[in-house]
Amino acid sequence: MEGGIVFGLTADMHGAISLKNGRVEQSNFNDYPMITLKEMPKVDVHIAPNNEPPSGVGEPGVPPIAAAVANSIFAATGKRIRRLPILMDSS
């Protein structure tokens, strides 16, 4: 779950895909910047007990992050974020 949150925040903050001469510049994760430890907020994951067999839970943490961050920015500033990555000049 924490890894999914990291990946979701990375998309929010650094997820731009750039083009040069009609080609995507990022070829793989080596040139796709991840958020740094300094940028990462404290995350507490709580697992609710149940009787179901174990399964993967990393991916569900990714999709809601953009909405949560964008709504937090709106609550703090009144400005809606409509594009990713979130930049100072996002509209």
PDB file of N, CA and C in Angstrom:
ATOM      1  N   MET A   1       0.839  -1.192   0.000  1.00  0.00           N
ATOM      2  CA  MET A   1       0.000   0.000   0.000  1.00  0.00           C
ATOM      3  C   MET A   1       0.879   1.249   0.000  1.00  0.00           C
ATOM      4  N   GLU A   2       1.926   1.258   0.824  1.00  0.00           N
ATOM      5  CA  GLU A   2       2.798   2.430   0.858  1.00  0.00           C
ATOM      6  C   GLU A   2       3.468   2.661  -0.495  1.00  0.00           C
ATOM      7  N   GLY A   3       3.894   1.602  -1.163  1.00  0.00           N
ATOM      8  CA  GLY A   3       4.503   1.732  -2.483  1.00  0.00           C
ATOM      9  C   GLY A   3       3.525   2.306  -3.496  1.00  0.00           C
ATOM     10  N   GLY A   4       2.262   1.903  -3.420  1.00  0.00           N
ATOM     11  CA  GLY A   4       1.241   2.451  -4.299  1.00  0.00           C
ATOM     12  C   GLY A   4       1.037   3.930  -4.062  1.00  0.00           C
ATOM     13  N   ILE A   5       1.081   4.336  -2.808  1.00  0.00           N
ATOM     14  CA  ILE A   5       0.943   5.756  -2.466  1.00  0.00           C
ATOM     15  C   ILE A   5       2.129   6.542  -3.007  1.00  0.00           C
ATOM     16  N   VAL A   6       3.331   5.992  -2.879  1.00  0.00           N
ATOM     17  CA  VAL A   6       4.526   6.640  -3.434  1.00  0.00           C
ATOM     18  C   VAL A   6       4.374   6.806  -4.946  1.00  0.00           C
ATOM     19  N   PHE A   7       3.947   5.760  -5.622  1.00  0.00           N
ATOM     20  CA  PHE A   7       3.809   5.838  -7.065  1.00  0.00           C
ATOM     21  C   PHE A   7       2.723   6.834  -7.468  1.00  0.00           C
ATOM     22  N   GLY A   8       1.620   6.875  -6.714  1.00  0.00           N
ATOM     23  CA  GLY A   8       0.555   7.847  -6.990  1.00  0.00           C
ATOM     24  C   GLY A   8       1.026   9.276  -6.795  1.00  0.00           C
ATOM     25  N   LEU A   9       1.781   9.530  -5.731  1.00  0.00           N
ATOM     26  CA  LEU A   9       2.311  10.875  -5.496  1.00  0.00           C
ATOM     27  C   LEU A   9       3.338  11.247  -6.554  1.00  0.00           C
ATOM     28  N   THR A  10       4.108  10.278  -7.015  1.00  0.00           N
ATOM     29  CA  THR A  10       5.062  10.534  -8.094  1.00  0.00           C
ATOM     30  C   THR A  10       4.329  10.999  -9.340  1.00  0.00           C
ATOM     31  N   ALA A  11       3.248  10.331  -9.688  1.00  0.00           N
ATOM     32  CA  ALA A  11       2.460  10.738 -10.858  1.00  0.00           C
ATOM     33  C   ALA A  11       1.904  12.145 -10.667  1.00  0.00           C
ATOM     34  N   ASP A  12       1.449  12.441  -9.443  1.00  0.00           N
ATOM     35  CA  ASP A  12       0.902  13.774  -9.151  1.00  0.00           C
ATOM     36  C   ASP A  12       1.944  14.870  -9.316  1.00  0.00           C
ATOM     37  N   MET A  13       3.164  14.597  -8.868  1.00  0.00           N
ATOM     38  CA  MET A  13       4.170  15.646  -8.786  1.00  0.00           C
ATOM     39  C   MET A  13       5.167  15.669  -9.948  1.00  0.00           C
ATOM     40  N   HIS A  14       5.490  14.503 -10.496  1.00  0.00           N
ATOM     41  CA  HIS A  14       6.550  14.428 -11.501  1.00  0.00           C
ATOM     42  C   HIS A  14       6.125  13.662 -12.747  1.00  0.00           C
ATOM     43  N   GLY A  15       4.860  13.367 -12.900  1.00  0.00           N
ATOM     44  CA  GLY A  15       4.415  12.426 -13.910  1.00  0.00           C
ATOM     45  C   GLY A  15       4.309  12.915 -15.332  1.00  0.00           C
ATOM     46  N   ALA A  16       4.950  14.001 -15.655  1.00  0.00           N
ATOM     47  CA  ALA A  16       4.874  14.498 -17.033  1.00  0.00           C
ATOM     48  C   ALA A  16       5.650  13.582 -17.969  1.00  0.00           C
ATOM     49  N   ILE A  17       5.077  13.327 -19.106  1.00  0.00           N
ATOM     50  CA  ILE A  17       5.750  12.609 -20.174  1.00  0.00           C
ATOM     51  C   ILE A  17       6.064  13.654 -21.237  1.00  0.00           C
ATOM     52  N   SER A  18       7.329  13.798 -21.556  1.00  0.00           N
ATOM     53  CA  SER A  18       7.720  14.836 -22.507  1.00  0.00           C
ATOM     54  C   SER A  18       8.053  14.236 -23.869  1.00  0.00           C
ATOM     55  N   LEU A  19       7.832  15.048 -24.888  1.00  0.00           N
ATOM     56  CA  LEU A  19       8.101  14.650 -26.269  1.00  0.00           C
ATOM     57  C   LEU A  19       9.205  15.529 -26.847  1.00  0.00           C
ATOM     58  N   LYS A  20      10.061  14.911 -27.631  1.00  0.00           N
ATOM     59  CA  LYS A  20      11.101  15.653 -28.338  1.00  0.00           C
ATOM     60  C   LYS A  20      11.208  15.060 -29.729  1.00  0.00           C
ATOM     61  N   ASN A  21      11.039  15.908 -30.751  1.00  0.00           N
ATOM     62  CA  ASN A  21      11.063  15.458 -32.145  1.00  0.00           C
ATOM     63  C   ASN A  21      10.049  14.340 -32.389  1.00  0.00           C
ATOM     64  N   GLY A  22       8.881  14.449 -31.739  1.00  0.00           N
ATOM     65  CA  GLY A  22       7.819  13.472 -31.949  1.00  0.00           C
ATOM     66  C   GLY A  22       7.987  12.163 -31.206  1.00  0.00           C
ATOM     67  N   ARG A  23       8.985  12.078 -30.318  1.00  0.00           N
ATOM     68  CA  ARG A  23       9.222  10.829 -29.573  1.00  0.00           C
ATOM     69  C   ARG A  23       9.175  11.083 -28.074  1.00  0.00           C
ATOM     70  N   VAL A  24       8.702  10.104 -27.342  1.00  0.00           N
ATOM     71  CA  VAL A  24       8.675  10.197 -25.888  1.00  0.00           C
ATOM     72  C   VAL A  24      10.113  10.120 -25.369  1.00  0.00           C
ATOM     73  N   GLU A  25      10.475  11.066 -24.495  1.00  0.00           N
ATOM     74  CA  GLU A  25      11.840  11.110 -23.968  1.00  0.00           C
ATOM     75  C   GLU A  25      12.094  10.081 -22.863  1.00  0.00           C
ATOM     76  N   GLN A  26      11.067   9.730 -22.108  1.00  0.00           N
ATOM     77  CA  GLN A  26      11.245   8.781 -21.022  1.00  0.00           C
ATOM     78  C   GLN A  26      11.114   7.368 -21.586  1.00  0.00           C
ATOM     79  N   SER A  27      12.165   6.584 -21.444  1.00  0.00           N
ATOM     80  CA  SER A  27      12.128   5.235 -22.013  1.00  0.00           C
ATOM     81  C   SER A  27      11.774   4.182 -20.973  1.00  0.00           C
ATOM     82  N   ASN A  28      12.064   4.452 -19.710  1.00  0.00           N
ATOM     83  CA  ASN A  28      11.805   3.490 -18.657  1.00  0.00           C
ATOM     84  C   ASN A  28      11.929   4.205 -17.318  1.00  0.00           C
ATOM     85  N   PHE A  29      11.937   3.465 -16.243  1.00  0.00           N
ATOM     86  CA  PHE A  29      11.982   4.081 -14.919  1.00  0.00           C
ATOM     87  C   PHE A  29      13.304   4.788 -14.631  1.00  0.00           C
ATOM     88  N   ASN A  30      14.356   4.508 -15.384  1.00  0.00           N
ATOM     89  CA  ASN A  30      15.640   5.176 -15.141  1.00  0.00           C
ATOM     90  C   ASN A  30      15.588   6.663 -15.485  1.00  0.00           C
ATOM     91  N   ASP A  31      14.675   7.088 -16.348  1.00  0.00           N
ATOM     92  CA  ASP A  31      14.555   8.511 -16.641  1.00  0.00           C
ATOM     93  C   ASP A  31      13.137   9.034 -16.380  1.00  0.00           C
ATOM     94  N   TYR A  32      12.459   8.405 -15.440  1.00  0.00           N
ATOM     95  CA  TYR A  32      11.156   8.849 -14.944  1.00  0.00           C
ATOM     96  C   TYR A  32      11.349   9.127 -13.457  1.00  0.00           C
ATOM     97  N   PRO A  33      11.455  10.400 -13.063  1.00  0.00           N
ATOM     98  CA  PRO A  33      11.817  10.710 -11.679  1.00  0.00           C
ATOM     99  C   PRO A  33      10.726  10.324 -10.666  1.00  0.00           C
ATOM    100  N   MET A  34      11.121   9.625  -9.629  1.00  0.00           N
ATOM    101  CA  MET A  34      10.235   9.293  -8.519  1.00  0.00           C
ATOM    102  C   MET A  34      10.351  10.392  -7.467  1.00  0.00           C
ATOM    103  N   ILE A  35       9.339  10.517  -6.610  1.00  0.00           N
ATOM    104  CA  ILE A  35       9.457  11.491  -5.526  1.00  0.00           C
ATOM    105  C   ILE A  35      10.582  11.053  -4.605  1.00  0.00           C
ATOM    106  N   THR A  36      11.163  12.013  -3.947  1.00  0.00           N
ATOM    107  CA  THR A  36      12.274  11.727  -3.044  1.00  0.00           C
ATOM    108  C   THR A  36      11.753  11.521  -1.628  1.00  0.00           C
ATOM    109  N   LEU A  37      12.595  11.001  -0.784  1.00  0.00           N
ATOM    110  CA  LEU A  37      12.228  10.803   0.616  1.00  0.00           C
ATOM    111  C   LEU A  37      11.865  12.139   1.259  1.00  0.00           C
ATOM    112  N   LYS A  38      12.546  13.189   0.876  1.00  0.00           N
ATOM    113  CA  LYS A  38      12.257  14.529   1.406  1.00  0.00           C
ATOM    114  C   LYS A  38      10.843  14.990   1.030  1.00  0.00           C
ATOM    115  N   GLU A  39      10.365  14.601  -0.151  1.00  0.00           N
ATOM    116  CA  GLU A  39       9.037  15.001  -0.616  1.00  0.00           C
ATOM    117  C   GLU A  39       7.918  14.122  -0.052  1.00  0.00           C
ATOM    118  N   MET A  40       8.256  12.936   0.400  1.00  0.00           N
ATOM    119  CA  MET A  40       7.262  11.954   0.832  1.00  0.00           C
ATOM    120  C   MET A  40       6.690  12.301   2.203  1.00  0.00           C
ATOM    121  N   PRO A  41       5.376  12.442   2.306  1.00  0.00           N
ATOM    122  CA  PRO A  41       4.774  12.689   3.624  1.00  0.00           C
ATOM    123  C   PRO A  41       4.778  11.411   4.462  1.00  0.00           C
ATOM    124  N   LYS A  42       4.550  11.580   5.735  1.00  0.00           N
ATOM    125  CA  LYS A  42       4.420  10.419   6.609  1.00  0.00           C
ATOM    126  C   LYS A  42       3.127   9.693   6.240  1.00  0.00           C
ATOM    127  N   VAL A  43       3.196   8.388   6.119  1.00  0.00           N
ATOM    128  CA  VAL A  43       2.038   7.579   5.742  1.00  0.00           C
ATOM    129  C   VAL A  43       1.844   6.497   6.796  1.00  0.00           C
ATOM    130  N   ASP A  44       0.640   6.382   7.303  1.00  0.00           N
ATOM    131  CA  ASP A  44       0.285   5.302   8.223  1.00  0.00           C
ATOM    132  C   ASP A  44      -0.742   4.425   7.534  1.00  0.00           C
ATOM    133  N   VAL A  45      -0.420   3.153   7.387  1.00  0.00           N
ATOM    134  CA  VAL A  45      -1.336   2.197   6.766  1.00  0.00           C
ATOM    135  C   VAL A  45      -1.919   1.328   7.874  1.00  0.00           C
ATOM    136  N   HIS A  46      -3.221   1.203   7.878  1.00  0.00           N
ATOM    137  CA  HIS A  46      -3.902   0.367   8.861  1.00  0.00           C
ATOM    138  C   HIS A  46      -4.640  -0.745   8.125  1.00  0.00           C
ATOM    139  N   ILE A  47      -4.377  -1.974   8.505  1.00  0.00           N
ATOM    140  CA  ILE A  47      -5.015  -3.113   7.859  1.00  0.00           C
ATOM    141  C   ILE A  47      -6.178  -3.570   8.734  1.00  0.00           C
ATOM    142  N   ALA A  48      -7.363  -3.582   8.140  1.00  0.00           N
ATOM    143  CA  ALA A  48      -8.559  -4.009   8.864  1.00  0.00           C
ATOM    144  C   ALA A  48      -8.591  -5.533   8.912  1.00  0.00           C
ATOM    145  N   PRO A  49      -8.726  -6.094  10.084  1.00  0.00           N
ATOM    146  CA  PRO A  49      -8.773  -7.555  10.186  1.00  0.00           C
ATOM    147  C   PRO A  49     -10.029  -8.116   9.523  1.00  0.00           C
ATOM    148  N   ASN A  50      -9.867  -9.273   8.878  1.00  0.00           N
ATOM    149  CA  ASN A  50     -11.007  -9.966   8.289  1.00  0.00           C
ATOM    150  C   ASN A  50     -10.663 -11.437   8.125  1.00  0.00           C
ATOM    151  N   ASN A  51     -11.591 -12.211   7.667  1.00  0.00           N
ATOM    152  CA  ASN A  51     -11.384 -13.655   7.518  1.00  0.00           C
ATOM    153  C   ASN A  51     -11.125 -14.067   6.077  1.00  0.00           C
ATOM    154  N   GLU A  52     -10.890 -13.100   5.181  1.00  0.00           N
ATOM    155  CA  GLU A  52     -10.636 -13.400   3.779  1.00  0.00           C
ATOM    156  C   GLU A  52      -9.185 -13.834   3.587  1.00  0.00           C
ATOM    157  N   PRO A  53      -8.926 -14.656   2.559  1.00  0.00           N
ATOM    158  CA  PRO A  53      -7.533 -15.034   2.294  1.00  0.00           C
ATOM    159  C   PRO A  53      -6.734 -13.814   1.825  1.00  0.00           C
ATOM    160  N   PRO A  54      -5.423 -13.809   2.095  1.00  0.00           N
ATOM    161  CA  PRO A  54      -4.599 -12.667   1.695  1.00  0.00           C
ATOM    162  C   PRO A  54      -4.578 -12.487   0.179  1.00  0.00           C
ATOM    163  N   SER A  55      -4.429 -11.233  -0.234  1.00  0.00           N
ATOM    164  CA  SER A  55      -4.293 -10.915  -1.657  1.00  0.00           C
ATOM    165  C   SER A  55      -3.495  -9.632  -1.778  1.00  0.00           C
ATOM    166  N   GLY A  56      -3.199  -9.207  -3.018  1.00  0.00           N
ATOM    167  CA  GLY A  56      -2.423  -7.994  -3.243  1.00  0.00           C
ATOM    168  C   GLY A  56      -3.199  -6.743  -2.902  1.00  0.00           C
ATOM    169  N   VAL A  57      -2.507  -5.754  -2.365  1.00  0.00           N
ATOM    170  CA  VAL A  57      -3.162  -4.492  -2.020  1.00  0.00           C
ATOM    171  C   VAL A  57      -2.368  -3.270  -2.463  1.00  0.00           C
ATOM    172  N   GLY A  58      -1.314  -3.430  -3.254  1.00  0.00           N
ATOM    173  CA  GLY A  58      -0.498  -2.288  -3.650  1.00  0.00           C
ATOM    174  C   GLY A  58      -1.179  -1.354  -4.617  1.00  0.00           C
ATOM    175  N   GLU A  59      -1.832  -1.892  -5.613  1.00  0.00           N
ATOM    176  CA  GLU A  59      -2.407  -1.063  -6.662  1.00  0.00           C
ATOM    177  C   GLU A  59      -3.561  -0.172  -6.208  1.00  0.00           C
ATOM    178  N   PRO A  60      -4.421  -0.592  -5.284  1.00  0.00           N
ATOM    179  CA  PRO A  60      -5.533   0.289  -4.897  1.00  0.00           C
ATOM    180  C   PRO A  60      -5.088   1.613  -4.285  1.00  0.00           C
ATOM    181  N   GLY A  61      -3.850   1.720  -3.837  1.00  0.00           N
ATOM    182  CA  GLY A  61      -3.370   2.977  -3.268  1.00  0.00           C
ATOM    183  C   GLY A  61      -3.059   4.045  -4.299  1.00  0.00           C
ATOM    184  N   VAL A  62      -2.905   3.669  -5.571  1.00  0.00           N
ATOM    185  CA  VAL A  62      -2.485   4.632  -6.593  1.00  0.00           C
ATOM    186  C   VAL A  62      -3.611   5.571  -7.046  1.00  0.00           C
ATOM    187  N   PRO A  63      -4.759   5.080  -7.516  1.00  0.00           N
ATOM    188  CA  PRO A  63      -5.756   5.978  -8.124  1.00  0.00           C
ATOM    189  C   PRO A  63      -6.308   7.100  -7.245  1.00  0.00           C
ATOM    190  N   PRO A  64      -6.581   6.887  -5.964  1.00  0.00           N
ATOM    191  CA  PRO A  64      -7.206   7.979  -5.210  1.00  0.00           C
ATOM    192  C   PRO A  64      -6.254   9.087  -4.796  1.00  0.00           C
ATOM    193  N   ILE A  65      -4.950   8.900  -4.975  1.00  0.00           N
ATOM    194  CA  ILE A  65      -3.990   9.904  -4.494  1.00  0.00           C
ATOM    195  C   ILE A  65      -4.155  11.235  -5.214  1.00  0.00           C
ATOM    196  N   ALA A  66      -4.280  11.219  -6.538  1.00  0.00           N
ATOM    197  CA  ALA A  66      -4.406  12.480  -7.285  1.00  0.00           C
ATOM    198  C   ALA A  66      -5.617  13.274  -6.810  1.00  0.00           C
ATOM    199  N   ALA A  67      -6.739  12.606  -6.635  1.00  0.00           N
ATOM    200  CA  ALA A  67      -7.945  13.295  -6.176  1.00  0.00           C
ATOM    201  C   ALA A  67      -7.770  13.829  -4.756  1.00  0.00           C
ATOM    202  N   ALA A  68      -7.139  13.051  -3.899  1.00  0.00           N
ATOM    203  CA  ALA A  68      -6.933  13.491  -2.515  1.00  0.00           C
ATOM    204  C   ALA A  68      -6.035  14.721  -2.460  1.00  0.00           C
ATOM    205  N   VAL A  69      -4.949  14.713  -3.225  1.00  0.00           N
ATOM    206  CA  VAL A  69      -4.040  15.864  -3.237  1.00  0.00           C
ATOM    207  C   VAL A  69      -4.731  17.076  -3.857  1.00  0.00           C
ATOM    208  N   ALA A  70      -5.400  16.877  -4.983  1.00  0.00           N
ATOM    209  CA  ALA A  70      -6.091  17.990  -5.641  1.00  0.00           C
ATOM    210  C   ALA A  70      -7.174  18.584  -4.741  1.00  0.00           C
ATOM    211  N   ASN A  71      -7.929  17.745  -4.052  1.00  0.00           N
ATOM    212  CA  ASN A  71      -8.957  18.256  -3.141  1.00  0.00           C
ATOM    213  C   ASN A  71      -8.353  18.964  -1.941  1.00  0.00           C
ATOM    214  N   SER A  72      -7.197  18.504  -1.481  1.00  0.00           N
ATOM    215  CA  SER A  72      -6.513  19.191  -0.379  1.00  0.00           C
ATOM    216  C   SER A  72      -6.053  20.577  -0.804  1.00  0.00           C
ATOM    217  N   ILE A  73      -5.522  20.669  -2.027  1.00  0.00           N
ATOM    218  CA  ILE A  73      -5.105  21.978  -2.538  1.00  0.00           C
ATOM    219  C   ILE A  73      -6.315  22.897  -2.670  1.00  0.00           C
ATOM    220  N   PHE A  74      -7.428  22.363  -3.170  1.00  0.00           N
ATOM    221  CA  PHE A  74      -8.650  23.170  -3.290  1.00  0.00           C
ATOM    222  C   PHE A  74      -9.127  23.648  -1.913  1.00  0.00           C
ATOM    223  N   ALA A  75      -9.112  22.739  -0.925  1.00  0.00           N
ATOM    224  CA  ALA A  75      -9.559  23.117   0.418  1.00  0.00           C
ATOM    225  C   ALA A  75      -8.674  24.212   1.015  1.00  0.00           C
ATOM    226  N   ALA A  76      -7.381  24.162   0.711  1.00  0.00           N
ATOM    227  CA  ALA A  76      -6.451  25.138   1.281  1.00  0.00           C
ATOM    228  C   ALA A  76      -6.417  26.456   0.521  1.00  0.00           C
ATOM    229  N   THR A  77      -6.652  26.408  -0.805  1.00  0.00           N
ATOM    230  CA  THR A  77      -6.446  27.605  -1.626  1.00  0.00           C
ATOM    231  C   THR A  77      -7.675  28.063  -2.397  1.00  0.00           C
ATOM    232  N   GLY A  78      -8.666  27.187  -2.562  1.00  0.00           N
ATOM    233  CA  GLY A  78      -9.815  27.508  -3.392  1.00  0.00           C
ATOM    234  C   GLY A  78      -9.550  27.308  -4.874  1.00  0.00           C
ATOM    235  N   LYS A  79      -8.360  26.827  -5.232  1.00  0.00           N
ATOM    236  CA  LYS A  79      -7.990  26.624  -6.634  1.00  0.00           C
ATOM    237  C   LYS A  79      -8.151  25.161  -7.016  1.00  0.00           C
ATOM    238  N   ARG A  80      -8.892  24.901  -8.101  1.00  0.00           N
ATOM    239  CA  ARG A  80      -9.074  23.539  -8.602  1.00  0.00           C
ATOM    240  C   ARG A  80      -7.873  23.123  -9.441  1.00  0.00           C
ATOM    241  N   ILE A  81      -7.427  21.916  -9.244  1.00  0.00           N
ATOM    242  CA  ILE A  81      -6.352  21.329 -10.046  1.00  0.00           C
ATOM    243  C   ILE A  81      -7.012  20.434 -11.081  1.00  0.00           C
ATOM    244  N   ARG A  82      -6.685  20.645 -12.334  1.00  0.00           N
ATOM    245  CA  ARG A  82      -7.325  19.895 -13.410  1.00  0.00           C
ATOM    246  C   ARG A  82      -6.339  19.152 -14.297  1.00  0.00           C
ATOM    247  N   ARG A  83      -5.050  19.244 -13.998  1.00  0.00           N
ATOM    248  CA  ARG A  83      -4.033  18.566 -14.804  1.00  0.00           C
ATOM    249  C   ARG A  83      -2.964  17.950 -13.913  1.00  0.00           C
ATOM    250  N   LEU A  84      -2.400  16.881 -14.388  1.00  0.00           N
ATOM    251  CA  LEU A  84      -1.252  16.260 -13.729  1.00  0.00           C
ATOM    252  C   LEU A  84      -0.060  16.342 -14.665  1.00  0.00           C
ATOM    253  N   PRO A  85       1.142  16.473 -14.180  1.00  0.00           N
ATOM    254  CA  PRO A  85       1.463  16.613 -12.768  1.00  0.00           C
ATOM    255  C   PRO A  85       1.003  17.965 -12.226  1.00  0.00           C
ATOM    256  N   ILE A  86       0.892  18.035 -10.914  1.00  0.00           N
ATOM    257  CA  ILE A  86       0.476  19.271 -10.251  1.00  0.00           C
ATOM    258  C   ILE A  86       1.679  20.202 -10.235  1.00  0.00           C
ATOM    259  N   LEU A  87       1.547  21.323 -10.921  1.00  0.00           N
ATOM    260  CA  LEU A  87       2.607  22.327 -10.988  1.00  0.00           C
ATOM    261  C   LEU A  87       2.097  23.612 -10.377  1.00  0.00           C
ATOM    262  N   MET A  88       2.985  24.485 -10.060  1.00  0.00           N
ATOM    263  CA  MET A  88       2.596  25.764  -9.463  1.00  0.00           C
ATOM    264  C   MET A  88       1.647  26.538 -10.377  1.00  0.00           C
ATOM    265  N   ASP A  89       1.757  26.340 -11.680  1.00  0.00           N
ATOM    266  CA  ASP A  89       0.905  27.079 -12.609  1.00  0.00           C
ATOM    267  C   ASP A  89      -0.227  26.223 -13.160  1.00  0.00           C
ATOM    268  N   SER A  90      -0.559  25.082 -12.504  1.00  0.00           N
ATOM    269  CA  SER A  90      -1.663  24.214 -12.980  1.00  0.00           C
ATOM    270  C   SER A  90      -2.963  24.984 -12.945  1.00  0.00           C
ATOM    271  N   SER A  91      -3.830  24.677 -13.902  1.00  0.00           N
ATOM    272  CA  SER A  91      -5.144  25.319 -13.912  1.00  0.00           C
ATOM    273  C   SER A  91      -6.230  24.274 -13.962  1.00  0.00           C
TER     274      SER A  91
END
